Amino acid sequence: MSTAELWALGEYERLAVTLRPAARELVLAAGISAGQRVLDVAAGTGNVAVEAAALGARVTASDITPQLVEHGRSRARRDRLAIDWEVADVTALPQDDGAVDVVTSAFGAMFATPVPRVVAELARVLRPGGVLAMANWVPEGPVAELFALLGRYGPRPPADTPAPTEWGREEVVRERLADAFAAVTIERRALRSIYPDAAALWHFHAENAPPVVALLRTLDADRRHELVRRWIALADELLPRWHGEVLYAPEYALVVARRRSG
């Protein structure tokens, strides 16, 4: 299954609603303002693009999955926002060198490989002094443990393929960006939502999160039942309660860096 096909699974737009607060934080951290040229890569259905366009920025949003691009276009029309949408791979962006003032990506570019090519493209399209802003899941904590359990039921990735959550490690991010970027800041934030219980949390992701939907399609009934049972039990063990309900608070790294002039 290709990357574009994977991210077309499930109801991603429902998942995207839960990610909107991070998009707002990202736009604020990037200092986006009216008139700036903004490129949102691996944009999904456009959380960051919508926030930036609402501030008056000139926004282009791109994603590798045509279905998500169509959702994004419809959303922009519905919200009466001027956003240019395009199907594009973050490893081969169509923009000219130095074409934009700000590049953003919320939980998107972190999944793209090879990493050196991704970094090179993010740097190439930025003008000298331009800003890169990313929101990336972190590799540790209760929620990371839950999704690590999912990984044990899927095929092993190639040994030389880094985990997407490596983009949430400060030392890794600094190393990856060192050549092309300066003034790198990394802050930990968390998204927070409430679910009636761990089973409701599981079903939300099983129906809407494309990687989870894809994994479940590869499992026979016995393995699927085992995974669901273990995941819900682990969530009950790890996640705190809020007035009897489950508090789901995945952490992410908010990364902001400035393109070197040289």
C-alpha atoms as a PDB file:
ATOM      1  CA  MET A   1       0.000   0.000   0.000  1.00  0.00           C
ATOM      2  CA  SER A   2       1.381   3.406  -0.967  1.00  0.00           C
ATOM      3  CA  THR A   3       1.600   6.326   1.456  1.00  0.00           C
ATOM      4  CA  ALA A   4      -1.169   8.139  -0.407  1.00  0.00           C
ATOM      5  CA  GLU A   5      -3.445   5.091  -0.203  1.00  0.00           C
ATOM      6  CA  LEU A   6      -2.761   4.600   3.514  1.00  0.00           C
ATOM      7  CA  TRP A   7      -3.699   8.151   4.476  1.00  0.00           C
ATOM      8  CA  ALA A   8      -6.941   7.880   2.519  1.00  0.00           C
ATOM      9  CA  LEU A   9      -8.189   5.186   4.913  1.00  0.00           C
ATOM     10  CA  GLY A  10     -10.641   5.854   7.716  1.00  0.00           C
ATOM     11  CA  GLU A  11     -12.261   9.221   8.381  1.00  0.00           C
ATOM     12  CA  TYR A  12      -9.166  11.379   8.763  1.00  0.00           C
ATOM     13  CA  GLU A  13     -11.174  14.592   8.873  1.00  0.00           C
ATOM     14  CA  ARG A  14     -12.678  13.451  12.208  1.00  0.00           C
ATOM     15  CA  LEU A  15      -9.210  12.802  13.603  1.00  0.00           C
ATOM     16  CA  ALA A  16      -8.049  16.187  12.303  1.00  0.00           C
ATOM     17  CA  VAL A  17     -10.616  17.958  14.490  1.00  0.00           C
ATOM     18  CA  THR A  18      -8.794  16.709  17.603  1.00  0.00           C
ATOM     19  CA  LEU A  19      -5.503  18.122  16.261  1.00  0.00           C
ATOM     20  CA  ARG A  20      -6.691  21.682  15.665  1.00  0.00           C
ATOM     21  CA  PRO A  21      -5.359  23.173  18.929  1.00  0.00           C
ATOM     22  CA  ALA A  22      -1.833  22.159  17.903  1.00  0.00           C
ATOM     23  CA  ALA A  23      -2.303  23.936  14.562  1.00  0.00           C
ATOM     24  CA  ARG A  24      -3.165  27.163  16.384  1.00  0.00           C
ATOM     25  CA  GLU A  25      -0.113  26.805  18.608  1.00  0.00           C
ATOM     26  CA  LEU A  26       2.065  26.174  15.562  1.00  0.00           C
ATOM     27  CA  VAL A  27       0.869  29.244  13.688  1.00  0.00           C
ATOM     28  CA  LEU A  28       1.423  31.437  16.753  1.00  0.00           C
ATOM     29  CA  ALA A  29       4.896  30.008  17.359  1.00  0.00           C
ATOM     30  CA  ALA A  30       5.855  30.605  13.710  1.00  0.00           C
ATOM     31  CA  GLY A  31       4.804  34.250  13.977  1.00  0.00           C
ATOM     32  CA  ILE A  32       2.696  34.047  10.823  1.00  0.00           C
ATOM     33  CA  SER A  33       1.135  37.347   9.768  1.00  0.00           C
ATOM     34  CA  ALA A  34      -0.805  38.920   6.925  1.00  0.00           C
ATOM     35  CA  GLY A  35       0.915  38.945   3.542  1.00  0.00           C
ATOM     36  CA  GLN A  36       3.478  36.240   4.308  1.00  0.00           C
ATOM     37  CA  ARG A  37       3.945  33.385   1.853  1.00  0.00           C
ATOM     38  CA  VAL A  38       3.199  30.180   3.757  1.00  0.00           C
ATOM     39  CA  LEU A  39       3.583  26.601   2.555  1.00  0.00           C
ATOM     40  CA  ASP A  40       1.900  23.925   4.681  1.00  0.00           C
ATOM     41  CA  VAL A  41       3.292  20.506   3.730  1.00  0.00           C
ATOM     42  CA  ALA A  42       1.725  17.122   4.475  1.00  0.00           C
ATOM     43  CA  ALA A  43      -1.232  19.333   5.306  1.00  0.00           C
ATOM     44  CA  GLY A  44      -3.905  16.680   5.801  1.00  0.00           C
ATOM     45  CA  THR A  45      -7.243  18.459   5.621  1.00  0.00           C
ATOM     46  CA  GLY A  46      -5.712  21.867   6.315  1.00  0.00           C
ATOM     47  CA  ASN A  47      -5.687  22.641  10.036  1.00  0.00           C
ATOM     48  CA  VAL A  48      -2.576  24.820   9.833  1.00  0.00           C
ATOM     49  CA  ALA A  49      -3.442  26.240   6.416  1.00  0.00           C
ATOM     50  CA  VAL A  50      -6.831  27.442   7.670  1.00  0.00           C
ATOM     51  CA  GLU A  51      -5.325  29.127  10.732  1.00  0.00           C
ATOM     52  CA  ALA A  52      -2.658  30.868   8.631  1.00  0.00           C
ATOM     53  CA  ALA A  53      -5.075  31.992   5.921  1.00  0.00           C
ATOM     54  CA  ALA A  54      -7.439  33.415   8.550  1.00  0.00           C
ATOM     55  CA  LEU A  55      -4.575  35.735   9.562  1.00  0.00           C
ATOM     56  CA  GLY A  56      -4.240  36.998   6.001  1.00  0.00           C
ATOM     57  CA  ALA A  57      -1.231  34.957   4.928  1.00  0.00           C
ATOM     58  CA  ARG A  58      -0.908  33.786   1.307  1.00  0.00           C
ATOM     59  CA  VAL A  59      -1.153  30.043   1.854  1.00  0.00           C
ATOM     60  CA  THR A  60      -0.401  27.015  -0.277  1.00  0.00           C
ATOM     61  CA  ALA A  61      -1.277  23.638   1.241  1.00  0.00           C
ATOM     62  CA  SER A  62      -0.002  20.360  -0.148  1.00  0.00           C
ATOM     63  CA  ASP A  63      -0.475  16.702   0.680  1.00  0.00           C
ATOM     64  CA  ILE A  64       0.442  13.429  -0.998  1.00  0.00           C
ATOM     65  CA  THR A  65      -3.122  12.058  -0.679  1.00  0.00           C
ATOM     66  CA  PRO A  66      -5.585  13.399  -3.287  1.00  0.00           C
ATOM     67  CA  GLN A  67      -8.611  12.616  -1.105  1.00  0.00           C
ATOM     68  CA  LEU A  68      -7.270  14.787   1.716  1.00  0.00           C
ATOM     69  CA  VAL A  69      -6.507  17.588  -0.722  1.00  0.00           C
ATOM     70  CA  GLU A  70     -10.129  17.500  -1.893  1.00  0.00           C
ATOM     71  CA  HIS A  71     -11.359  17.644   1.693  1.00  0.00           C
ATOM     72  CA  GLY A  72      -9.053  20.612   2.248  1.00  0.00           C
ATOM     73  CA  ARG A  73     -10.329  22.438  -0.826  1.00  0.00           C
ATOM     74  CA  SER A  74     -13.933  21.930   0.270  1.00  0.00           C
ATOM     75  CA  ARG A  75     -13.106  23.158   3.759  1.00  0.00           C
ATOM     76  CA  ALA A  76     -11.430  26.302   2.417  1.00  0.00           C
ATOM     77  CA  ARG A  77     -14.418  27.064   0.198  1.00  0.00           C
ATOM     78  CA  ARG A  78     -16.781  26.497   3.110  1.00  0.00           C
ATOM     79  CA  ASP A  79     -14.748  28.843   5.332  1.00  0.00           C
ATOM     80  CA  ARG A  80     -14.299  31.359   2.478  1.00  0.00           C
ATOM     81  CA  LEU A  81     -10.519  31.269   2.773  1.00  0.00           C
ATOM     82  CA  ALA A  82      -8.091  31.735  -0.117  1.00  0.00           C
ATOM     83  CA  ILE A  83      -5.861  28.644   0.061  1.00  0.00           C
ATOM     84  CA  ASP A  84      -4.131  27.099  -2.946  1.00  0.00           C
ATOM     85  CA  TRP A  85      -4.259  23.305  -2.665  1.00  0.00           C
ATOM     86  CA  GLU A  86      -2.009  20.875  -4.513  1.00  0.00           C
ATOM     87  CA  VAL A  87      -1.085  17.195  -4.486  1.00  0.00           C
ATOM     88  CA  ALA A  88       2.635  16.989  -3.720  1.00  0.00           C
ATOM     89  CA  ASP A  89       5.206  14.812  -1.987  1.00  0.00           C
ATOM     90  CA  VAL A  90       7.258  16.574   0.694  1.00  0.00           C
ATOM     91  CA  THR A  91      10.395  14.941  -0.756  1.00  0.00           C
ATOM     92  CA  ALA A  92       9.802  16.626  -4.135  1.00  0.00           C
ATOM     93  CA  LEU A  93       8.013  19.925  -3.649  1.00  0.00           C
ATOM     94  CA  PRO A  94       7.077  21.904  -6.789  1.00  0.00           C
ATOM     95  CA  GLN A  95       7.929  25.329  -5.319  1.00  0.00           C
ATOM     96  CA  ASP A  96      10.968  27.266  -6.519  1.00  0.00           C
ATOM     97  CA  ASP A  97      14.023  27.794  -4.328  1.00  0.00           C
ATOM     98  CA  GLY A  98      13.365  30.425  -1.647  1.00  0.00           C
ATOM     99  CA  ALA A  99       9.730  30.783  -2.704  1.00  0.00           C
ATOM    100  CA  VAL A 100       8.137  31.058   0.745  1.00  0.00           C
ATOM    101  CA  ASP A 101       8.575  32.869   4.055  1.00  0.00           C
ATOM    102  CA  VAL A 102       7.268  30.097   6.301  1.00  0.00           C
ATOM    103  CA  VAL A 103       7.019  26.309   5.947  1.00  0.00           C
ATOM    104  CA  THR A 104       4.743  24.477   8.365  1.00  0.00           C
ATOM    105  CA  SER A 105       3.835  20.866   9.029  1.00  0.00           C
ATOM    106  CA  ALA A 106       1.667  19.486  11.824  1.00  0.00           C
ATOM    107  CA  PHE A 107       2.058  15.734  12.324  1.00  0.00           C
ATOM    108  CA  GLY A 108       2.753  15.291   8.630  1.00  0.00           C
ATOM    109  CA  ALA A 109       6.326  15.704   7.370  1.00  0.00           C
ATOM    110  CA  MET A 110       7.501  13.624  10.339  1.00  0.00           C
ATOM    111  CA  PHE A 111       6.228  10.516   8.512  1.00  0.00           C
ATOM    112  CA  ALA A 112       8.106  11.218   5.263  1.00  0.00           C
ATOM    113  CA  THR A 113      11.347   9.516   4.250  1.00  0.00           C
ATOM    114  CA  PRO A 114      14.199   9.632   3.465  1.00  0.00           C
ATOM    115  CA  VAL A 115      14.760  12.182   6.215  1.00  0.00           C
ATOM    116  CA  PRO A 116      17.757  13.951   4.603  1.00  0.00           C
ATOM    117  CA  ARG A 117      15.698  14.561   1.479  1.00  0.00           C
ATOM    118  CA  VAL A 118      12.782  15.898   3.544  1.00  0.00           C
ATOM    119  CA  VAL A 119      15.044  18.349   5.381  1.00  0.00           C
ATOM    120  CA  ALA A 120      16.677  19.429   2.129  1.00  0.00           C
ATOM    121  CA  GLU A 121      13.302  20.198   0.536  1.00  0.00           C
ATOM    122  CA  LEU A 122      11.995  22.093   3.570  1.00  0.00           C
ATOM    123  CA  ALA A 123      15.160  24.199   3.519  1.00  0.00           C
ATOM    124  CA  ARG A 124      15.234  24.670  -0.271  1.00  0.00           C
ATOM    125  CA  VAL A 125      11.795  26.271  -0.600  1.00  0.00           C
ATOM    126  CA  LEU A 126      12.402  28.690   2.287  1.00  0.00           C
ATOM    127  CA  ARG A 127      13.967  32.092   1.706  1.00  0.00           C
ATOM    128  CA  PRO A 128      17.080  32.852   3.768  1.00  0.00           C
ATOM    129  CA  GLY A 129      15.879  33.829   7.220  1.00  0.00           C
ATOM    130  CA  GLY A 130      12.534  32.098   6.661  1.00  0.00           C
ATOM    131  CA  VAL A 131      10.857  30.056   9.388  1.00  0.00           C
ATOM    132  CA  LEU A 132      10.242  26.325   9.628  1.00  0.00           C
ATOM    133  CA  ALA A 133       7.596  25.266  12.170  1.00  0.00           C
ATOM    134  CA  MET A 134       6.661  21.642  12.891  1.00  0.00           C
ATOM    135  CA  ALA A 135       4.511  19.759  15.390  1.00  0.00           C
ATOM    136  CA  ASN A 136       5.812  16.205  15.890  1.00  0.00           C
ATOM    137  CA  TRP A 137       4.705  13.387  18.166  1.00  0.00           C
ATOM    138  CA  VAL A 138       7.218  12.424  20.861  1.00  0.00           C
ATOM    139  CA  PRO A 139       8.536   8.880  21.355  1.00  0.00           C
ATOM    140  CA  GLU A 140       7.868   8.491  25.068  1.00  0.00           C
ATOM    141  CA  GLY A 141       5.004   8.809  27.550  1.00  0.00           C
ATOM    142  CA  PRO A 142       1.751   6.899  28.081  1.00  0.00           C
ATOM    143  CA  VAL A 143       0.288   7.586  24.641  1.00  0.00           C
ATOM    144  CA  ALA A 144       3.552   6.630  22.935  1.00  0.00           C
ATOM    145  CA  GLU A 145       3.425   3.322  24.836  1.00  0.00           C
ATOM    146  CA  LEU A 146      -0.065   2.661  23.504  1.00  0.00           C
ATOM    147  CA  PHE A 147       1.002   3.185  19.919  1.00  0.00           C
ATOM    148  CA  ALA A 148       4.166   1.186  20.430  1.00  0.00           C
ATOM    149  CA  LEU A 149       1.852  -1.726  21.220  1.00  0.00           C
ATOM    150  CA  LEU A 150       0.260  -1.301  17.798  1.00  0.00           C
ATOM    151  CA  GLY A 151       3.702  -1.486  16.239  1.00  0.00           C
ATOM    152  CA  ARG A 152       4.243  -4.940  17.676  1.00  0.00           C
ATOM    153  CA  TYR A 153       1.320  -6.252  15.634  1.00  0.00           C
ATOM    154  CA  GLY A 154       2.399  -4.848  12.296  1.00  0.00           C
ATOM    155  CA  PRO A 155       5.233  -5.668   9.917  1.00  0.00           C
ATOM    156  CA  ARG A 156       8.650  -4.510  11.022  1.00  0.00           C
ATOM    157  CA  PRO A 157       9.906  -1.493   9.090  1.00  0.00           C
ATOM    158  CA  PRO A 158      13.283  -1.770   7.352  1.00  0.00           C
ATOM    159  CA  ALA A 159      16.148  -1.559   9.841  1.00  0.00           C
ATOM    160  CA  ASP A 160      17.427   1.705   8.327  1.00  0.00           C
ATOM    161  CA  THR A 161      14.045   3.483   8.517  1.00  0.00           C
ATOM    162  CA  PRO A 162      13.849   5.806  11.543  1.00  0.00           C
ATOM    163  CA  ALA A 163      10.640   5.963  13.551  1.00  0.00           C
ATOM    164  CA  PRO A 164       8.512   9.055  12.778  1.00  0.00           C
ATOM    165  CA  THR A 165       8.598   9.962  16.473  1.00  0.00           C
ATOM    166  CA  GLU A 166      12.356  10.542  16.268  1.00  0.00           C
ATOM    167  CA  TRP A 167      11.225  13.991  15.079  1.00  0.00           C
ATOM    168  CA  GLY A 168      10.046  14.474  18.672  1.00  0.00           C
ATOM    169  CA  ARG A 169      13.527  13.998  20.208  1.00  0.00           C
ATOM    170  CA  GLU A 170      15.294  17.301  20.805  1.00  0.00           C
ATOM    171  CA  GLU A 171      18.801  15.972  20.141  1.00  0.00           C
ATOM    172  CA  VAL A 172      17.685  14.304  16.881  1.00  0.00           C
ATOM    173  CA  VAL A 173      15.864  17.396  15.633  1.00  0.00           C
ATOM    174  CA  ARG A 174      18.859  19.626  16.330  1.00  0.00           C
ATOM    175  CA  GLU A 175      21.164  17.244  14.502  1.00  0.00           C
ATOM    176  CA  ARG A 176      18.877  16.963  11.480  1.00  0.00           C
ATOM    177  CA  LEU A 177      18.418  20.722  11.136  1.00  0.00           C
ATOM    178  CA  ALA A 178      21.939  21.827  12.052  1.00  0.00           C
ATOM    179  CA  ASP A 179      23.294  22.365   8.544  1.00  0.00           C
ATOM    180  CA  ALA A 180      20.462  24.420   7.088  1.00  0.00           C
ATOM    181  CA  PHE A 181      18.779  25.993  10.117  1.00  0.00           C
ATOM    182  CA  ALA A 182      19.691  28.129  13.120  1.00  0.00           C
ATOM    183  CA  ALA A 183      17.898  29.421  16.225  1.00  0.00           C
ATOM    184  CA  VAL A 184      16.155  26.085  16.727  1.00  0.00           C
ATOM    185  CA  THR A 185      13.663  26.033  19.605  1.00  0.00           C
ATOM    186  CA  ILE A 186      11.804  22.934  20.778  1.00  0.00           C
ATOM    187  CA  GLU A 187       9.003  22.994  23.325  1.00  0.00           C
ATOM    188  CA  ARG A 188       6.845  20.183  24.661  1.00  0.00           C
ATOM    189  CA  ARG A 189       3.091  20.666  24.451  1.00  0.00           C
ATOM    190  CA  ALA A 190       0.100  18.335  24.843  1.00  0.00           C
ATOM    191  CA  LEU A 191      -3.275  17.928  23.192  1.00  0.00           C
ATOM    192  CA  ARG A 192      -6.071  17.103  25.612  1.00  0.00           C
ATOM    193  CA  SER A 193      -9.410  15.424  25.037  1.00  0.00           C
ATOM    194  CA  ILE A 194     -11.867  13.386  27.091  1.00  0.00           C
ATOM    195  CA  TYR A 195     -13.420  10.009  26.235  1.00  0.00           C
ATOM    196  CA  PRO A 196     -16.053   8.097  28.219  1.00  0.00           C
ATOM    197  CA  ASP A 197     -13.707   5.148  28.641  1.00  0.00           C
ATOM    198  CA  ALA A 198     -10.701   3.402  27.100  1.00  0.00           C
ATOM    199  CA  ALA A 199     -12.905   1.404  24.732  1.00  0.00           C
ATOM    200  CA  ALA A 200     -14.351   4.610  23.261  1.00  0.00           C
ATOM    201  CA  LEU A 201     -10.834   5.947  22.761  1.00  0.00           C
ATOM    202  CA  TRP A 202      -9.826   2.757  20.969  1.00  0.00           C
ATOM    203  CA  HIS A 203     -12.857   2.777  18.670  1.00  0.00           C
ATOM    204  CA  PHE A 204     -12.234   6.415  17.728  1.00  0.00           C
ATOM    205  CA  HIS A 205      -8.733   5.606  16.516  1.00  0.00           C
ATOM    206  CA  ALA A 206      -9.707   2.263  14.980  1.00  0.00           C
ATOM    207  CA  GLU A 207     -12.281   4.027  12.806  1.00  0.00           C
ATOM    208  CA  ASN A 208     -10.489   7.287  11.991  1.00  0.00           C
ATOM    209  CA  ALA A 209      -6.673   7.047  12.291  1.00  0.00           C
ATOM    210  CA  PRO A 210      -5.347   5.798   8.921  1.00  0.00           C
ATOM    211  CA  PRO A 211      -2.336   3.839  10.285  1.00  0.00           C
ATOM    212  CA  VAL A 212      -4.589   2.021  12.768  1.00  0.00           C
ATOM    213  CA  VAL A 213      -7.199   1.275  10.117  1.00  0.00           C
ATOM    214  CA  ALA A 214      -4.464  -0.078   7.831  1.00  0.00           C
ATOM    215  CA  LEU A 215      -3.003  -2.279  10.576  1.00  0.00           C
ATOM    216  CA  LEU A 216      -6.358  -3.812  11.486  1.00  0.00           C
ATOM    217  CA  ARG A 217      -6.935  -4.808   7.868  1.00  0.00           C
ATOM    218  CA  THR A 218      -3.810  -6.984   7.994  1.00  0.00           C
ATOM    219  CA  LEU A 219      -4.833  -8.968  11.099  1.00  0.00           C
ATOM    220  CA  ASP A 220      -6.991 -12.065  11.308  1.00  0.00           C
ATOM    221  CA  ALA A 221      -9.899 -12.117  13.764  1.00  0.00           C
ATOM    222  CA  ASP A 222      -7.935 -13.695  16.631  1.00  0.00           C
ATOM    223  CA  ARG A 223      -5.009 -11.272  16.405  1.00  0.00           C
ATOM    224  CA  ARG A 224      -7.346  -8.328  16.059  1.00  0.00           C
ATOM    225  CA  HIS A 225      -9.304  -9.372  19.151  1.00  0.00           C
ATOM    226  CA  GLU A 226      -6.075  -9.839  21.091  1.00  0.00           C
ATOM    227  CA  LEU A 227      -4.778  -6.405  20.083  1.00  0.00           C
ATOM    228  CA  VAL A 228      -8.009  -4.653  21.015  1.00  0.00           C
ATOM    229  CA  ARG A 229      -8.114  -6.362  24.414  1.00  0.00           C
ATOM    230  CA  ARG A 230      -4.481  -5.558  25.210  1.00  0.00           C
ATOM    231  CA  TRP A 231      -4.704  -1.954  23.976  1.00  0.00           C
ATOM    232  CA  ILE A 232      -7.802  -1.142  26.029  1.00  0.00           C
ATOM    233  CA  ALA A 233      -6.306  -2.787  29.129  1.00  0.00           C
ATOM    234  CA  LEU A 234      -3.084  -0.790  28.725  1.00  0.00           C
ATOM    235  CA  ALA A 235      -5.009   2.450  28.210  1.00  0.00           C
ATOM    236  CA  ASP A 236      -6.965   1.768  31.400  1.00  0.00           C
ATOM    237  CA  GLU A 237      -3.675   1.272  33.211  1.00  0.00           C
ATOM    238  CA  LEU A 238      -1.744   4.239  31.824  1.00  0.00           C
ATOM    239  CA  LEU A 239      -4.195   7.072  31.236  1.00  0.00           C
ATOM    240  CA  PRO A 240      -5.496   9.320  34.034  1.00  0.00           C
ATOM    241  CA  ARG A 241      -9.158   9.825  34.811  1.00  0.00           C
ATOM    242  CA  TRP A 242     -11.101  13.068  34.802  1.00  0.00           C
ATOM    243  CA  HIS A 243     -14.380  12.806  36.694  1.00  0.00           C
ATOM    244  CA  GLY A 244     -14.540   9.134  35.794  1.00  0.00           C
ATOM    245  CA  GLU A 245     -13.693   9.602  32.133  1.00  0.00           C
ATOM    246  CA  VAL A 246     -10.387   9.005  30.337  1.00  0.00           C
ATOM    247  CA  LEU A 247      -8.064  11.965  29.801  1.00  0.00           C
ATOM    248  CA  TYR A 248      -6.170  11.516  26.537  1.00  0.00           C
ATOM    249  CA  ALA A 249      -3.203  13.901  26.366  1.00  0.00           C
ATOM    250  CA  PRO A 250      -0.655  12.965  23.682  1.00  0.00           C
ATOM    251  CA  GLU A 251       2.524  15.047  23.876  1.00  0.00           C
ATOM    252  CA  TYR A 252       4.167  16.672  20.901  1.00  0.00           C
ATOM    253  CA  ALA A 253       7.276  18.713  20.204  1.00  0.00           C
ATOM    254  CA  LEU A 254       6.715  22.188  18.814  1.00  0.00           C
ATOM    255  CA  VAL A 255       9.761  22.907  16.652  1.00  0.00           C
ATOM    256  CA  VAL A 256      10.618  26.352  15.260  1.00  0.00           C
ATOM    257  CA  ALA A 257      13.809  27.070  13.298  1.00  0.00           C
ATOM    258  CA  ARG A 258      15.156  29.787  11.015  1.00  0.00           C
ATOM    259  CA  ARG A 259      16.700  29.129   7.604  1.00  0.00           C
ATOM    260  CA  ARG A 260      20.390  30.002   7.528  1.00  0.00           C
ATOM    261  CA  SER A 261      21.391  32.795   5.175  1.00  0.00           C
ATOM    262  CA  GLY A 262      24.525  31.080   3.933  1.00  0.00           C
END
